[in-house]
C-alpha atoms as a PDB file:
ATOM      1  CA  UNK A   1      -0.034  -0.021  -0.094  1.00  0.00           C
ATOM      2  CA  UNK A   2       1.367   3.276  -1.071  1.00  0.00           C
ATOM      3  CA  UNK A   3       0.605   6.747  -0.131  1.00  0.00           C
ATOM      4  CA  UNK A   4      -1.429   6.997  -3.055  1.00  0.00           C
ATOM      5  CA  UNK A   5      -3.513   4.164  -2.204  1.00  0.00           C
ATOM      6  CA  UNK A   6      -4.148   4.771   1.557  1.00  0.00           C
ATOM      7  CA  UNK A   7      -7.461   6.081   2.131  1.00  0.00           C
ATOM      8  CA  UNK A   8      -7.429   9.013   4.576  1.00  0.00           C
ATOM      9  CA  UNK A   9      -9.978   7.561   7.166  1.00  0.00           C
ATOM     10  CA  UNK A  10      -7.587   4.396   7.603  1.00  0.00           C
ATOM     11  CA  UNK A  11      -5.504   6.340   9.634  1.00  0.00           C
ATOM     12  CA  UNK A  12      -7.936   7.708  12.280  1.00  0.00           C
ATOM     13  CA  UNK A  13      -9.253   5.476  14.908  1.00  0.00           C
ATOM     14  CA  UNK A  14     -11.904   7.642  16.865  1.00  0.00           C
ATOM     15  CA  UNK A  15      -9.965   8.649  19.740  1.00  0.00           C
ATOM     16  CA  UNK A  16      -9.307  12.398  19.534  1.00  0.00           C
ATOM     17  CA  UNK A  17      -5.515  12.661  21.256  1.00  0.00           C
ATOM     18  CA  UNK A  18      -4.423   9.646  18.963  1.00  0.00           C
ATOM     19  CA  UNK A  19      -6.495  11.011  15.890  1.00  0.00           C
ATOM     20  CA  UNK A  20      -4.724  14.630  16.270  1.00  0.00           C
ATOM     21  CA  UNK A  21      -1.354  12.856  16.462  1.00  0.00           C
ATOM     22  CA  UNK A  22      -2.137  10.788  13.300  1.00  0.00           C
ATOM     23  CA  UNK A  23      -3.198  14.204  11.417  1.00  0.00           C
ATOM     24  CA  UNK A  24      -0.034  15.668  12.202  1.00  0.00           C
ATOM     25  CA  UNK A  25       1.826  12.464  11.191  1.00  0.00           C
ATOM     26  CA  UNK A  26      -0.091  12.723   7.623  1.00  0.00           C
ATOM     27  CA  UNK A  27       0.875  16.144   7.440  1.00  0.00           C
ATOM     28  CA  UNK A  28       4.642  15.533   7.708  1.00  0.00           C
ATOM     29  CA  UNK A  29       4.517  12.573   5.598  1.00  0.00           C
ATOM     30  CA  UNK A  30       2.452  14.321   2.615  1.00  0.00           C
ATOM     31  CA  UNK A  31       5.136  17.235   2.782  1.00  0.00           C
ATOM     32  CA  UNK A  32       7.771  14.501   2.555  1.00  0.00           C
ATOM     33  CA  UNK A  33       6.405  13.197  -0.395  1.00  0.00           C
ATOM     34  CA  UNK A  34       5.440  16.301  -2.247  1.00  0.00           C
ATOM     35  CA  UNK A  35       8.355  16.951  -4.735  1.00  0.00           C
ATOM     36  CA  UNK A  36       7.529  20.512  -4.618  1.00  0.00           C
ATOM     37  CA  UNK A  37       7.943  20.683  -0.812  1.00  0.00           C
ATOM     38  CA  UNK A  38      10.182  17.741   0.229  1.00  0.00           C
ATOM     39  CA  UNK A  39      13.327  18.723   1.955  1.00  0.00           C
ATOM     40  CA  UNK A  40      14.204  15.286   3.181  1.00  0.00           C
ATOM     41  CA  UNK A  41      16.705  16.344   6.083  1.00  0.00           C
ATOM     42  CA  UNK A  42      14.058  18.859   7.398  1.00  0.00           C
ATOM     43  CA  UNK A  43      11.002  16.651   7.089  1.00  0.00           C
ATOM     44  CA  UNK A  44      12.819  13.423   8.378  1.00  0.00           C
ATOM     45  CA  UNK A  45      13.829  15.383  11.451  1.00  0.00           C
ATOM     46  CA  UNK A  46      10.110  16.826  12.136  1.00  0.00           C
ATOM     47  CA  UNK A  47       8.894  13.172  11.540  1.00  0.00           C
ATOM     48  CA  UNK A  48      11.546  11.792  13.987  1.00  0.00           C
ATOM     49  CA  UNK A  49      10.646  14.603  16.703  1.00  0.00           C
ATOM     50  CA  UNK A  50       7.010  13.878  15.902  1.00  0.00           C
ATOM     51  CA  UNK A  51       7.125  10.214  16.311  1.00  0.00           C
ATOM     52  CA  UNK A  52       8.991  10.568  19.653  1.00  0.00           C
ATOM     53  CA  UNK A  53       6.149  12.709  20.987  1.00  0.00           C
ATOM     54  CA  UNK A  54       3.384  10.525  19.363  1.00  0.00           C
ATOM     55  CA  UNK A  55       4.942   7.156  20.777  1.00  0.00           C
ATOM     56  CA  UNK A  56       5.409   8.765  24.191  1.00  0.00           C
ATOM     57  CA  UNK A  57       1.816  10.045  24.486  1.00  0.00           C
ATOM     58  CA  UNK A  58       0.221   6.707  23.215  1.00  0.00           C
ATOM     59  CA  UNK A  59       2.399   4.656  25.431  1.00  0.00           C
ATOM     60  CA  UNK A  60       1.749   6.954  28.373  1.00  0.00           C
ATOM     61  CA  UNK A  61      -1.979   6.185  27.801  1.00  0.00           C
ATOM     62  CA  UNK A  62      -1.354   2.564  27.526  1.00  0.00           C
ATOM     63  CA  UNK A  63       0.349   2.564  31.056  1.00  0.00           C
ATOM     64  CA  UNK A  64      -2.103   4.729  32.724  1.00  0.00           C
ATOM     65  CA  UNK A  65      -4.922   2.559  31.583  1.00  0.00           C
ATOM     66  CA  UNK A  66      -3.075  -0.698  32.027  1.00  0.00           C
ATOM     67  CA  UNK A  67      -3.483  -1.692  28.454  1.00  0.00           C
ATOM     68  CA  UNK A  68      -3.044  -5.336  28.022  1.00  0.00           C
ATOM     69  CA  UNK A  69      -0.962  -4.928  24.664  1.00  0.00           C
ATOM     70  CA  UNK A  70       1.526  -2.368  25.717  1.00  0.00           C
ATOM     71  CA  UNK A  71       4.437  -4.607  25.083  1.00  0.00           C
ATOM     72  CA  UNK A  72       3.847  -5.498  21.421  1.00  0.00           C
ATOM     73  CA  UNK A  73       2.629  -1.940  20.643  1.00  0.00           C
ATOM     74  CA  UNK A  74       6.005  -0.557  22.289  1.00  0.00           C
ATOM     75  CA  UNK A  75       8.097  -3.009  20.347  1.00  0.00           C
ATOM     76  CA  UNK A  76       6.535  -1.844  17.026  1.00  0.00           C
ATOM     77  CA  UNK A  77       7.201   1.855  18.002  1.00  0.00           C
ATOM     78  CA  UNK A  78      10.732   1.107  18.858  1.00  0.00           C
ATOM     79  CA  UNK A  79      11.143  -0.561  15.453  1.00  0.00           C
ATOM     80  CA  UNK A  80       9.630   2.072  13.679  1.00  0.00           C
ATOM     81  CA  UNK A  81      11.854   4.668  15.360  1.00  0.00           C
ATOM     82  CA  UNK A  82      14.841   2.762  14.699  1.00  0.00           C
ATOM     83  CA  UNK A  83      14.014   2.418  11.253  1.00  0.00           C
ATOM     84  CA  UNK A  84      13.421   6.197  10.946  1.00  0.00           C
ATOM     85  CA  UNK A  85      16.674   6.866  12.490  1.00  0.00           C
ATOM     86  CA  UNK A  86      18.266   4.747  10.060  1.00  0.00           C
ATOM     87  CA  UNK A  87      16.713   6.447   7.003  1.00  0.00           C
ATOM     88  CA  UNK A  88      17.950   9.666   8.589  1.00  0.00           C
ATOM     89  CA  UNK A  89      21.580   8.065   8.749  1.00  0.00           C
ATOM     90  CA  UNK A  90      21.174   6.745   5.064  1.00  0.00           C
ATOM     91  CA  UNK A  91      20.035  10.420   3.981  1.00  0.00           C
ATOM     92  CA  UNK A  92      23.099  11.887   5.417  1.00  0.00           C
ATOM     93  CA  UNK A  93      25.209   9.317   3.696  1.00  0.00           C
ATOM     94  CA  UNK A  94      23.541  10.463   0.366  1.00  0.00           C
ATOM     95  CA  UNK A  95      20.827   7.668  -0.108  1.00  0.00           C
ATOM     96  CA  UNK A  96      18.244  10.004  -1.500  1.00  0.00           C
ATOM     97  CA  UNK A  97      16.539   7.191  -3.717  1.00  0.00           C
ATOM     98  CA  UNK A  98      16.288   5.100  -0.377  1.00  0.00           C
ATOM     99  CA  UNK A  99      14.600   7.799   1.530  1.00  0.00           C
ATOM    100  CA  UNK A 100      12.381   8.529  -1.251  1.00  0.00           C
ATOM    101  CA  UNK A 101      11.212   4.787  -1.398  1.00  0.00           C
ATOM    102  CA  UNK A 102      10.709   5.006   2.367  1.00  0.00           C
ATOM    103  CA  UNK A 103       8.658   8.102   2.199  1.00  0.00           C
ATOM    104  CA  UNK A 104       6.411   6.733  -0.436  1.00  0.00           C
ATOM    105  CA  UNK A 105       5.614   3.367   1.767  1.00  0.00           C
ATOM    106  CA  UNK A 106       4.864   5.301   4.925  1.00  0.00           C
ATOM    107  CA  UNK A 107       1.521   5.938   4.809  1.00  0.00           C
ATOM    108  CA  UNK A 108       0.744   2.188   3.998  1.00  0.00           C
ATOM    109  CA  UNK A 109       2.667   0.974   6.819  1.00  0.00           C
ATOM    110  CA  UNK A 110       1.223   3.693   9.115  1.00  0.00           C
ATOM    111  CA  UNK A 111      -2.482   2.708   7.875  1.00  0.00           C
ATOM    112  CA  UNK A 112      -1.969  -0.795   8.819  1.00  0.00           C
ATOM    113  CA  UNK A 113      -0.528   0.013  12.273  1.00  0.00           C
ATOM    114  CA  UNK A 114      -3.284   2.421  12.880  1.00  0.00           C
ATOM    115  CA  UNK A 115      -5.988  -0.396  12.238  1.00  0.00           C
ATOM    116  CA  UNK A 116      -4.124  -3.310  13.754  1.00  0.00           C
ATOM    117  CA  UNK A 117      -2.671  -1.808  16.856  1.00  0.00           C
ATOM    118  CA  UNK A 118      -4.050   1.879  17.317  1.00  0.00           C
ATOM    119  CA  UNK A 119      -7.691   1.191  16.670  1.00  0.00           C
ATOM    120  CA  UNK A 120      -7.913  -1.682  19.392  1.00  0.00           C
ATOM    121  CA  UNK A 121      -6.028   0.909  21.690  1.00  0.00           C
ATOM    122  CA  UNK A 122      -8.406   3.634  21.166  1.00  0.00           C
ATOM    123  CA  UNK A 123     -11.341   1.091  21.635  1.00  0.00           C
ATOM    124  CA  UNK A 124      -9.840   0.156  25.031  1.00  0.00           C
ATOM    125  CA  UNK A 125      -9.373   3.757  25.951  1.00  0.00           C
ATOM    126  CA  UNK A 126     -12.818   4.754  25.221  1.00  0.00           C
ATOM    127  CA  UNK A 127     -13.874   1.852  27.364  1.00  0.00           C
ATOM    128  CA  UNK A 128     -11.900   2.978  30.263  1.00  0.00           C
END
């Protein structure tokens, strides 16, 4: 699933604090994928900073509400942030094509994550 095939609604889960984070993620990724806008260094840094805040908030909510799937969700967050850090290193080393490919695939990964991991979390949070 590429950015072009991801339906906007697939990243929203019906819990405002998480949906606000997802909206911000979408804005950064859209800028990263826009040839007229893309400043890979700037947007990768913005995405990295966003994801550190994003995952910290989600994980705080999971801890506060004793979410039963905190461990797997946290591990997926760690893998994503490490992959993003790797992409920043690759960009710094001159791998623009690798970053371009990564950026094109981000929304597909994110939509799958939102539906598989964040939607159940949102349901849990709404019920608590």
